[in-house]
Protein backbone atom coordinates (compact mmCIF):
# COMPACT_ATOMS: atom_id res chain seq x y z
CA MET A 1 127.61 89.01 107.83
CA SER A 2 129.76 85.97 108.32
CA GLY A 3 133.39 85.03 108.54
CA THR A 4 135.85 82.59 110.05
CA ILE A 5 137.39 82.49 113.51
CA THR A 6 139.94 80.13 115.01
CA ILE A 7 138.86 77.95 117.94
CA ASN A 8 141.37 75.49 119.41
CA ASN A 9 143.59 76.02 116.35
CA GLN A 10 140.74 75.08 113.98
CA PRO A 11 138.98 77.49 111.58
CA VAL A 12 135.25 77.79 112.34
CA ALA A 13 132.70 79.62 110.18
CA PHE A 14 130.40 82.02 112.02
CA ASP A 15 127.39 84.25 111.52
CA LYS A 16 127.62 87.62 113.28
CA GLU A 17 123.99 87.35 114.34
CA LYS A 18 124.83 84.42 116.64
CA SER A 19 126.55 84.57 120.00
CA LEU A 20 130.04 83.17 120.35
CA LEU A 21 128.57 80.42 122.53
CA GLU A 22 126.22 79.40 119.69
CA VAL A 23 129.11 79.37 117.20
CA ILE A 24 131.21 77.22 119.53
CA THR A 25 128.46 74.71 120.27
CA ASN A 26 127.39 74.56 116.60
CA ALA A 27 131.01 73.62 115.82
CA GLY A 28 130.61 70.60 118.12
CA ILE A 29 132.78 72.00 120.91
CA ASP A 30 131.49 71.45 124.44
CA LEU A 31 131.53 74.66 126.49
CA HIS A 32 129.97 74.39 129.94
CA THR A 33 127.48 76.94 131.22
CA LEU A 34 125.25 77.27 134.27
CA CYS A 35 123.22 80.43 133.63
CA TYR A 36 122.65 80.19 129.84
CA ASN A 37 119.09 79.52 128.68
CA LYS A 38 117.98 80.01 125.06
CA GLN A 39 114.63 81.37 126.25
CA LEU A 40 116.22 84.18 128.30
CA ALA A 41 118.45 87.13 127.45
CA PRO A 42 122.19 86.34 127.88
CA PHE A 43 123.44 87.29 131.32
CA GLY A 44 126.95 85.85 131.78
CA ALA A 45 126.72 85.64 135.56
CA CYS A 46 128.16 82.17 136.10
CA ARG A 47 131.36 82.96 134.10
CA MET A 48 131.74 79.29 133.12
CA CYS A 49 131.82 80.11 129.40
CA ILE A 50 134.88 82.37 129.65
CA VAL A 51 136.96 82.36 126.47
CA GLU A 52 140.14 84.18 125.49
CA ASN A 53 140.32 86.33 122.35
CA GLU A 54 143.37 86.80 120.13
CA LYS A 55 144.52 89.74 122.29
CA GLY A 56 144.45 87.61 125.45
CA MET A 57 141.35 89.33 126.84
CA LEU A 58 138.79 87.16 128.65
CA MET A 59 135.09 87.40 127.79
CA THR A 60 131.90 85.43 128.29
CA ALA A 61 130.94 83.49 125.18
CA CYS A 62 127.21 83.69 125.90
CA THR A 63 127.16 87.51 125.83
CA THR A 64 129.66 88.06 123.00
CA ALA A 65 128.29 88.42 119.48
């Protein structure tokens, strides 16, 4: 399943099988992380990839699909 989300006021296509962090970085947007490693399961401990959803809630991009 895929769709479109808005990041920094720009529409970005996404695939629901990818994490939000992958969608953001694939769109060419730099989002800093310390604990993210593609070879490991997402953990979200460093909290550097915090993003805000449309409801104003904060979440870690690396653990959000």
